[in-house]
Amino acid sequence: MPPLLVVAAVIERDSRILIGQRKPGSKHALKWEFPGGKVEPGEDPRDALQRELREELALEAHIGEQIDAYEFRYPGAERTTALLFFQVT
């Protein structure tokens, strides 16, 4: 089974990076995360990140270079997650 593809935005301004904390009672409650989300089937990762930023933050952004990527598996998950980080302005 192919990995679940997830994209994340690294948004830096004035030497600060935007990161959010999940709500209590949610999946992975109180964990810290970058804005982003899952890539839909057939969707380009950059387009997915642009869509997620529009949905989550009501923001239009320039998706820059991919700056990192790694794969991991949540305990008990059936497949791995591939996480792609992009620089965003």
PDB file of N, CA and C in Angstrom:
ATOM      1  N   MET A   1       0.849  -1.179   0.000  1.00  0.00           N
ATOM      2  CA  MET A   1       0.000   0.000   0.000  1.00  0.00           C
ATOM      3  C   MET A   1       0.896   1.245   0.000  1.00  0.00           C
ATOM      4  N   PRO A   2       0.619   2.197  -0.904  1.00  0.00           N
ATOM      5  CA  PRO A   2       1.448   3.413  -0.939  1.00  0.00           C
ATOM      6  C   PRO A   2       1.238   4.250   0.321  1.00  0.00           C
ATOM      7  N   PRO A   3       2.230   5.071   0.668  1.00  0.00           N
ATOM      8  CA  PRO A   3       2.082   5.900   1.868  1.00  0.00           C
ATOM      9  C   PRO A   3       0.997   6.960   1.683  1.00  0.00           C
ATOM     10  N   LEU A   4       0.440   7.394   2.788  1.00  0.00           N
ATOM     11  CA  LEU A   4      -0.474   8.528   2.809  1.00  0.00           C
ATOM     12  C   LEU A   4       0.375   9.774   2.632  1.00  0.00           C
ATOM     13  N   LEU A   5       0.072  10.587   1.632  1.00  0.00           N
ATOM     14  CA  LEU A   5       0.865  11.770   1.334  1.00  0.00           C
ATOM     15  C   LEU A   5       0.272  12.981   2.038  1.00  0.00           C
ATOM     16  N   VAL A   6       1.105  13.658   2.830  1.00  0.00           N
ATOM     17  CA  VAL A   6       0.699  14.827   3.606  1.00  0.00           C
ATOM     18  C   VAL A   6       1.682  15.952   3.336  1.00  0.00           C
ATOM     19  N   VAL A   7       1.156  17.179   3.200  1.00  0.00           N
ATOM     20  CA  VAL A   7       1.997  18.344   2.937  1.00  0.00           C
ATOM     21  C   VAL A   7       1.921  19.313   4.111  1.00  0.00           C
ATOM     22  N   ALA A   8       3.028  20.023   4.341  1.00  0.00           N
ATOM     23  CA  ALA A   8       3.094  20.976   5.444  1.00  0.00           C
ATOM     24  C   ALA A   8       3.796  22.247   4.992  1.00  0.00           C
ATOM     25  N   ALA A   9       3.292  23.378   5.482  1.00  0.00           N
ATOM     26  CA  ALA A   9       3.849  24.685   5.141  1.00  0.00           C
ATOM     27  C   ALA A   9       4.768  25.170   6.250  1.00  0.00           C
ATOM     28  N   VAL A  10       5.952  25.588   5.857  1.00  0.00           N
ATOM     29  CA  VAL A  10       6.858  26.259   6.787  1.00  0.00           C
ATOM     30  C   VAL A  10       6.791  27.738   6.418  1.00  0.00           C
ATOM     31  N   ILE A  11       6.035  28.483   7.229  1.00  0.00           N
ATOM     32  CA  ILE A  11       5.794  29.901   6.978  1.00  0.00           C
ATOM     33  C   ILE A  11       6.608  30.694   7.992  1.00  0.00           C
ATOM     34  N   GLU A  12       7.582  31.436   7.479  1.00  0.00           N
ATOM     35  CA  GLU A  12       8.460  32.209   8.354  1.00  0.00           C
ATOM     36  C   GLU A  12       8.276  33.693   8.077  1.00  0.00           C
ATOM     37  N   ARG A  13       8.161  34.472   9.145  1.00  0.00           N
ATOM     38  CA  ARG A  13       8.101  35.925   9.025  1.00  0.00           C
ATOM     39  C   ARG A  13       8.738  36.531  10.263  1.00  0.00           C
ATOM     40  N   ASP A  14       9.608  37.497  10.065  1.00  0.00           N
ATOM     41  CA  ASP A  14      10.300  38.171  11.167  1.00  0.00           C
ATOM     42  C   ASP A  14      10.995  37.166  12.094  1.00  0.00           C
ATOM     43  N   SER A  15      11.653  36.173  11.498  1.00  0.00           N
ATOM     44  CA  SER A  15      12.391  35.133  12.229  1.00  0.00           C
ATOM     45  C   SER A  15      11.502  34.272  13.132  1.00  0.00           C
ATOM     46  N   ARG A  16      10.197  34.229  12.832  1.00  0.00           N
ATOM     47  CA  ARG A  16       9.266  33.382  13.582  1.00  0.00           C
ATOM     48  C   ARG A  16       8.595  32.423  12.611  1.00  0.00           C
ATOM     49  N   ILE A  17       8.290  31.209  13.067  1.00  0.00           N
ATOM     50  CA  ILE A  17       7.664  30.189  12.225  1.00  0.00           C
ATOM     51  C   ILE A  17       6.285  29.874  12.775  1.00  0.00           C
ATOM     52  N   LEU A  18       5.292  29.826  11.867  1.00  0.00           N
ATOM     53  CA  LEU A  18       3.914  29.536  12.252  1.00  0.00           C
ATOM     54  C   LEU A  18       3.735  28.044  12.502  1.00  0.00           C
ATOM     55  N   ILE A  19       3.247  27.710  13.678  1.00  0.00           N
ATOM     56  CA  ILE A  19       2.934  26.332  14.037  1.00  0.00           C
ATOM     57  C   ILE A  19       1.736  26.376  14.979  1.00  0.00           C
ATOM     58  N   GLY A  20       0.864  25.386  14.871  1.00  0.00           N
ATOM     59  CA  GLY A  20      -0.352  25.373  15.685  1.00  0.00           C
ATOM     60  C   GLY A  20      -0.421  24.146  16.575  1.00  0.00           C
ATOM     61  N   GLN A  21      -1.294  24.225  17.564  1.00  0.00           N
ATOM     62  CA  GLN A  21      -1.479  23.104  18.483  1.00  0.00           C
ATOM     63  C   GLN A  21      -2.893  22.561  18.316  1.00  0.00           C
ATOM     64  N   ARG A  22      -3.013  21.242  18.232  1.00  0.00           N
ATOM     65  CA  ARG A  22      -4.322  20.606  18.083  1.00  0.00           C
ATOM     66  C   ARG A  22      -5.162  20.806  19.345  1.00  0.00           C
ATOM     67  N   LYS A  23      -6.471  20.810  19.153  1.00  0.00           N
ATOM     68  CA  LYS A  23      -7.407  21.024  20.259  1.00  0.00           C
ATOM     69  C   LYS A  23      -7.444  19.820  21.197  1.00  0.00           C
ATOM     70  N   PRO A  24      -7.732  20.055  22.496  1.00  0.00           N
ATOM     71  CA  PRO A  24      -7.947  18.934  23.416  1.00  0.00           C
ATOM     72  C   PRO A  24      -9.125  18.090  22.909  1.00  0.00           C
ATOM     73  N   GLY A  25      -9.026  16.798  23.053  1.00  0.00           N
ATOM     74  CA  GLY A  25     -10.097  15.901  22.637  1.00  0.00           C
ATOM     75  C   GLY A  25     -10.071  15.516  21.172  1.00  0.00           C
ATOM     76  N   SER A  26      -9.202  16.123  20.374  1.00  0.00           N
ATOM     77  CA  SER A  26      -9.108  15.776  18.956  1.00  0.00           C
ATOM     78  C   SER A  26      -8.105  14.634  18.776  1.00  0.00           C
ATOM     79  N   LYS A  27      -8.077  14.106  17.562  1.00  0.00           N
ATOM     80  CA  LYS A  27      -7.064  13.091  17.252  1.00  0.00           C
ATOM     81  C   LYS A  27      -5.691  13.737  17.425  1.00  0.00           C
ATOM     82  N   HIS A  28      -4.792  13.060  18.109  1.00  0.00           N
ATOM     83  CA  HIS A  28      -3.452  13.587  18.418  1.00  0.00           C
ATOM     84  C   HIS A  28      -3.555  14.899  19.216  1.00  0.00           C
ATOM     85  N   ALA A  29      -4.450  14.925  20.172  1.00  0.00           N
ATOM     86  CA  ALA A  29      -4.730  16.125  20.970  1.00  0.00           C
ATOM     87  C   ALA A  29      -3.458  16.763  21.522  1.00  0.00           C
ATOM     88  N   LEU A  30      -3.407  18.087  21.460  1.00  0.00           N
ATOM     89  CA  LEU A  30      -2.357  18.939  21.999  1.00  0.00           C
ATOM     90  C   LEU A  30      -0.999  18.782  21.323  1.00  0.00           C
ATOM     91  N   LYS A  31      -0.936  17.998  20.251  1.00  0.00           N
ATOM     92  CA  LYS A  31       0.317  17.890  19.480  1.00  0.00           C
ATOM     93  C   LYS A  31       0.486  19.162  18.647  1.00  0.00           C
ATOM     94  N   TRP A  32       1.731  19.514  18.385  1.00  0.00           N
ATOM     95  CA  TRP A  32       2.055  20.685  17.579  1.00  0.00           C
ATOM     96  C   TRP A  32       2.189  20.268  16.127  1.00  0.00           C
ATOM     97  N   GLU A  33       1.738  21.142  15.202  1.00  0.00           N
ATOM     98  CA  GLU A  33       1.797  20.803  13.788  1.00  0.00           C
ATOM     99  C   GLU A  33       1.901  22.054  12.920  1.00  0.00           C
ATOM    100  N   PHE A  34       2.456  21.858  11.743  1.00  0.00           N
ATOM    101  CA  PHE A  34       2.515  22.915  10.741  1.00  0.00           C
ATOM    102  C   PHE A  34       1.192  22.926   9.979  1.00  0.00           C
ATOM    103  N   PRO A  35       0.787  24.074   9.425  1.00  0.00           N
ATOM    104  CA  PRO A  35      -0.415  24.088   8.592  1.00  0.00           C
ATOM    105  C   PRO A  35      -0.218  23.189   7.379  1.00  0.00           C
ATOM    106  N   GLY A  36      -1.276  22.533   6.966  1.00  0.00           N
ATOM    107  CA  GLY A  36      -1.211  21.653   5.803  1.00  0.00           C
ATOM    108  C   GLY A  36      -2.263  20.581   5.900  1.00  0.00           C
ATOM    109  N   GLY A  37      -2.039  19.479   5.190  1.00  0.00           N
ATOM    110  CA  GLY A  37      -3.014  18.393   5.231  1.00  0.00           C
ATOM    111  C   GLY A  37      -2.731  17.334   4.186  1.00  0.00           C
ATOM    112  N   LYS A  38      -3.730  16.484   3.990  1.00  0.00           N
ATOM    113  CA  LYS A  38      -3.590  15.337   3.094  1.00  0.00           C
ATOM    114  C   LYS A  38      -3.723  15.757   1.632  1.00  0.00           C
ATOM    115  N   VAL A  39      -2.952  15.091   0.790  1.00  0.00           N
ATOM    116  CA  VAL A  39      -3.030  15.271  -0.661  1.00  0.00           C
ATOM    117  C   VAL A  39      -4.126  14.338  -1.174  1.00  0.00           C
ATOM    118  N   GLU A  40      -5.060  14.894  -1.948  1.00  0.00           N
ATOM    119  CA  GLU A  40      -6.137  14.091  -2.535  1.00  0.00           C
ATOM    120  C   GLU A  40      -5.585  13.261  -3.698  1.00  0.00           C
ATOM    121  N   PRO A  41      -6.216  12.125  -4.017  1.00  0.00           N
ATOM    122  CA  PRO A  41      -5.752  11.309  -5.147  1.00  0.00           C
ATOM    123  C   PRO A  41      -5.680  12.129  -6.435  1.00  0.00           C
ATOM    124  N   GLY A  42      -4.545  12.041  -7.124  1.00  0.00           N
ATOM    125  CA  GLY A  42      -4.333  12.749  -8.379  1.00  0.00           C
ATOM    126  C   GLY A  42      -3.964  14.219  -8.226  1.00  0.00           C
ATOM    127  N   GLU A  43      -3.898  14.711  -7.002  1.00  0.00           N
ATOM    128  CA  GLU A  43      -3.595  16.119  -6.755  1.00  0.00           C
ATOM    129  C   GLU A  43      -2.088  16.322  -6.621  1.00  0.00           C
ATOM    130  N   ASP A  44      -1.583  17.409  -7.182  1.00  0.00           N
ATOM    131  CA  ASP A  44      -0.177  17.776  -7.029  1.00  0.00           C
ATOM    132  C   ASP A  44       0.046  18.256  -5.589  1.00  0.00           C
ATOM    133  N   PRO A  45       1.145  17.852  -4.948  1.00  0.00           N
ATOM    134  CA  PRO A  45       1.385  18.263  -3.564  1.00  0.00           C
ATOM    135  C   PRO A  45       1.354  19.779  -3.340  1.00  0.00           C
ATOM    136  N   ARG A  46       1.911  20.553  -4.259  1.00  0.00           N
ATOM    137  CA  ARG A  46       1.892  22.019  -4.101  1.00  0.00           C
ATOM    138  C   ARG A  46       0.461  22.559  -4.184  1.00  0.00           C
ATOM    139  N   ASP A  47      -0.328  22.002  -5.101  1.00  0.00           N
ATOM    140  CA  ASP A  47      -1.733  22.407  -5.214  1.00  0.00           C
ATOM    141  C   ASP A  47      -2.497  22.032  -3.943  1.00  0.00           C
ATOM    142  N   ALA A  48      -2.190  20.869  -3.393  1.00  0.00           N
ATOM    143  CA  ALA A  48      -2.848  20.436  -2.158  1.00  0.00           C
ATOM    144  C   ALA A  48      -2.532  21.385  -1.017  1.00  0.00           C
ATOM    145  N   LEU A  49      -1.287  21.805  -0.919  1.00  0.00           N
ATOM    146  CA  LEU A  49      -0.905  22.716   0.153  1.00  0.00           C
ATOM    147  C   LEU A  49      -1.588  24.064  -0.026  1.00  0.00           C
ATOM    148  N   GLN A  50      -1.662  24.536  -1.249  1.00  0.00           N
ATOM    149  CA  GLN A  50      -2.351  25.798  -1.508  1.00  0.00           C
ATOM    150  C   GLN A  50      -3.825  25.685  -1.102  1.00  0.00           C
ATOM    151  N   ARG A  51      -4.476  24.577  -1.445  1.00  0.00           N
ATOM    152  CA  ARG A  51      -5.877  24.341  -1.075  1.00  0.00           C
ATOM    153  C   ARG A  51      -6.038  24.305   0.440  1.00  0.00           C
ATOM    154  N   GLU A  52      -5.168  23.571   1.119  1.00  0.00           N
ATOM    155  CA  GLU A  52      -5.257  23.451   2.575  1.00  0.00           C
ATOM    156  C   GLU A  52      -5.071  24.804   3.257  1.00  0.00           C
ATOM    157  N   LEU A  53      -4.139  25.616   2.782  1.00  0.00           N
ATOM    158  CA  LEU A  53      -3.922  26.938   3.381  1.00  0.00           C
ATOM    159  C   LEU A  53      -5.132  27.842   3.163  1.00  0.00           C
ATOM    160  N   ARG A  54      -5.762  27.701   2.002  1.00  0.00           N
ATOM    161  CA  ARG A  54      -6.988  28.457   1.724  1.00  0.00           C
ATOM    162  C   ARG A  54      -8.092  28.020   2.685  1.00  0.00           C
ATOM    163  N   GLU A  55      -8.264  26.704   2.854  1.00  0.00           N
ATOM    164  CA  GLU A  55      -9.323  26.170   3.716  1.00  0.00           C
ATOM    165  C   GLU A  55      -9.078  26.468   5.199  1.00  0.00           C
ATOM    166  N   GLU A  56      -7.856  26.264   5.664  1.00  0.00           N
ATOM    167  CA  GLU A  56      -7.552  26.375   7.090  1.00  0.00           C
ATOM    168  C   GLU A  56      -7.307  27.809   7.556  1.00  0.00           C
ATOM    169  N   LEU A  57      -6.645  28.607   6.713  1.00  0.00           N
ATOM    170  CA  LEU A  57      -6.199  29.929   7.155  1.00  0.00           C
ATOM    171  C   LEU A  57      -6.758  31.072   6.309  1.00  0.00           C
ATOM    172  N   ALA A  58      -7.570  30.757   5.292  1.00  0.00           N
ATOM    173  CA  ALA A  58      -8.107  31.769   4.376  1.00  0.00           C
ATOM    174  C   ALA A  58      -6.983  32.635   3.822  1.00  0.00           C
ATOM    175  N   LEU A  59      -5.930  31.979   3.354  1.00  0.00           N
ATOM    176  CA  LEU A  59      -4.774  32.719   2.887  1.00  0.00           C
ATOM    177  C   LEU A  59      -4.297  32.189   1.545  1.00  0.00           C
ATOM    178  N   GLU A  60      -3.936  33.130   0.669  1.00  0.00           N
ATOM    179  CA  GLU A  60      -3.339  32.794  -0.621  1.00  0.00           C
ATOM    180  C   GLU A  60      -1.832  32.928  -0.448  1.00  0.00           C
ATOM    181  N   ALA A  61      -1.110  31.891  -0.811  1.00  0.00           N
ATOM    182  CA  ALA A  61       0.329  31.880  -0.551  1.00  0.00           C
ATOM    183  C   ALA A  61       1.091  31.354  -1.757  1.00  0.00           C
ATOM    184  N   HIS A  62       2.363  31.720  -1.811  1.00  0.00           N
ATOM    185  CA  HIS A  62       3.269  31.173  -2.824  1.00  0.00           C
ATOM    186  C   HIS A  62       3.941  29.948  -2.217  1.00  0.00           C
ATOM    187  N   ILE A  63       3.774  28.806  -2.872  1.00  0.00           N
ATOM    188  CA  ILE A  63       4.394  27.570  -2.403  1.00  0.00           C
ATOM    189  C   ILE A  63       5.771  27.484  -3.043  1.00  0.00           C
ATOM    190  N   GLY A  64       6.796  27.533  -2.223  1.00  0.00           N
ATOM    191  CA  GLY A  64       8.169  27.529  -2.705  1.00  0.00           C
ATOM    192  C   GLY A  64       8.749  26.130  -2.810  1.00  0.00           C
ATOM    193  N   GLU A  65      10.035  26.054  -2.605  1.00  0.00           N
ATOM    194  CA  GLU A  65      10.775  24.797  -2.727  1.00  0.00           C
ATOM    195  C   GLU A  65      10.411  23.813  -1.618  1.00  0.00           C
ATOM    196  N   GLN A  66      10.475  22.532  -1.965  1.00  0.00           N
ATOM    197  CA  GLN A  66      10.358  21.494  -0.932  1.00  0.00           C
ATOM    198  C   GLN A  66      11.646  21.534  -0.120  1.00  0.00           C
ATOM    199  N   ILE A  67      11.522  21.620   1.197  1.00  0.00           N
ATOM    200  CA  ILE A  67      12.728  21.760   2.021  1.00  0.00           C
ATOM    201  C   ILE A  67      13.064  20.501   2.810  1.00  0.00           C
ATOM    202  N   ASP A  68      12.121  19.566   2.917  1.00  0.00           N
ATOM    203  CA  ASP A  68      12.423  18.313   3.606  1.00  0.00           C
ATOM    204  C   ASP A  68      11.295  17.327   3.351  1.00  0.00           C
ATOM    205  N   ALA A  69      11.555  16.064   3.622  1.00  0.00           N
ATOM    206  CA  ALA A  69      10.547  15.009   3.501  1.00  0.00           C
ATOM    207  C   ALA A  69      10.985  13.831   4.355  1.00  0.00           C
ATOM    208  N   TYR A  70      10.013  13.160   4.944  1.00  0.00           N
ATOM    209  CA  TYR A  70      10.332  11.915   5.632  1.00  0.00           C
ATOM    210  C   TYR A  70       9.087  11.062   5.759  1.00  0.00           C
ATOM    211  N   GLU A  71       9.286   9.783   6.007  1.00  0.00           N
ATOM    212  CA  GLU A  71       8.185   8.835   6.183  1.00  0.00           C
ATOM    213  C   GLU A  71       8.205   8.303   7.603  1.00  0.00           C
ATOM    214  N   PHE A  72       7.011   8.064   8.142  1.00  0.00           N
ATOM    215  CA  PHE A  72       6.880   7.485   9.474  1.00  0.00           C
ATOM    216  C   PHE A  72       5.574   6.699   9.521  1.00  0.00           C
ATOM    217  N   ARG A  73       5.406   5.920  10.556  1.00  0.00           N
ATOM    218  CA  ARG A  73       4.183   5.155  10.743  1.00  0.00           C
ATOM    219  C   ARG A  73       3.681   5.392  12.162  1.00  0.00           C
ATOM    220  N   TYR A  74       2.432   5.876  12.253  1.00  0.00           N
ATOM    221  CA  TYR A  74       1.813   6.016  13.571  1.00  0.00           C
ATOM    222  C   TYR A  74       1.627   4.627  14.172  1.00  0.00           C
ATOM    223  N   PRO A  75       1.752   4.481  15.481  1.00  0.00           N
ATOM    224  CA  PRO A  75       1.519   3.174  16.111  1.00  0.00           C
ATOM    225  C   PRO A  75       0.128   2.646  15.749  1.00  0.00           C
ATOM    226  N   GLY A  76       0.077   1.432  15.272  1.00  0.00           N
ATOM    227  CA  GLY A  76      -1.179   0.791  14.904  1.00  0.00           C
ATOM    228  C   GLY A  76      -1.700   1.145  13.522  1.00  0.00           C
ATOM    229  N   ALA A  77      -1.017   2.020  12.802  1.00  0.00           N
ATOM    230  CA  ALA A  77      -1.469   2.416  11.456  1.00  0.00           C
ATOM    231  C   ALA A  77      -1.162   1.316  10.449  1.00  0.00           C
ATOM    232  N   GLU A  78      -2.020   1.193   9.447  1.00  0.00           N
ATOM    233  CA  GLU A  78      -1.825   0.184   8.409  1.00  0.00           C
ATOM    234  C   GLU A  78      -0.771   0.582   7.388  1.00  0.00           C
ATOM    235  N   ARG A  79      -0.559   1.873   7.203  1.00  0.00           N
ATOM    236  CA  ARG A  79       0.422   2.309   6.203  1.00  0.00           C
ATOM    237  C   ARG A  79       1.229   3.490   6.738  1.00  0.00           C
ATOM    238  N   THR A  80       2.301   3.759   6.040  1.00  0.00           N
ATOM    239  CA  THR A  80       3.167   4.873   6.442  1.00  0.00           C
ATOM    240  C   THR A  80       2.579   6.185   5.949  1.00  0.00           C
ATOM    241  N   THR A  81       3.063   7.248   6.521  1.00  0.00           N
ATOM    242  CA  THR A  81       2.721   8.605   6.095  1.00  0.00           C
ATOM    243  C   THR A  81       3.989   9.238   5.539  1.00  0.00           C
ATOM    244  N   ALA A  82       3.890   9.815   4.348  1.00  0.00           N
ATOM    245  CA  ALA A  82       5.005  10.556   3.759  1.00  0.00           C
ATOM    246  C   ALA A  82       4.685  12.037   3.938  1.00  0.00           C
ATOM    247  N   LEU A  83       5.536  12.729   4.656  1.00  0.00           N
ATOM    248  CA  LEU A  83       5.313  14.137   4.975  1.00  0.00           C
ATOM    249  C   LEU A  83       6.305  14.995   4.185  1.00  0.00           C
ATOM    250  N   LEU A  84       5.760  15.929   3.390  1.00  0.00           N
ATOM    251  CA  LEU A  84       6.563  16.827   2.567  1.00  0.00           C
ATOM    252  C   LEU A  84       6.448  18.241   3.125  1.00  0.00           C
ATOM    253  N   PHE A  85       7.580  18.878   3.395  1.00  0.00           N
ATOM    254  CA  PHE A  85       7.607  20.252   3.909  1.00  0.00           C
ATOM    255  C   PHE A  85       7.996  21.197   2.786  1.00  0.00           C
ATOM    256  N   PHE A  86       7.243  22.303   2.653  1.00  0.00           N
ATOM    257  CA  PHE A  86       7.519  23.315   1.649  1.00  0.00           C
ATOM    258  C   PHE A  86       7.692  24.666   2.302  1.00  0.00           C
ATOM    259  N   GLN A  87       8.617  25.470   1.758  1.00  0.00           N
ATOM    260  CA  GLN A  87       8.752  26.839   2.195  1.00  0.00           C
ATOM    261  C   GLN A  87       7.627  27.643   1.561  1.00  0.00           C
ATOM    262  N   VAL A  88       6.952  28.447   2.378  1.00  0.00           N
ATOM    263  CA  VAL A  88       5.780  29.193   1.916  1.00  0.00           C
ATOM    264  C   VAL A  88       5.915  30.659   2.273  1.00  0.00           C
ATOM    265  N   THR A  89       5.575  31.526   1.304  1.00  0.00           N
ATOM    266  CA  THR A  89       5.563  32.961   1.565  1.00  0.00           C
ATOM    267  C   THR A  89       4.213  33.526   1.210  1.00  0.00           C
TER     268      THR A  89
END
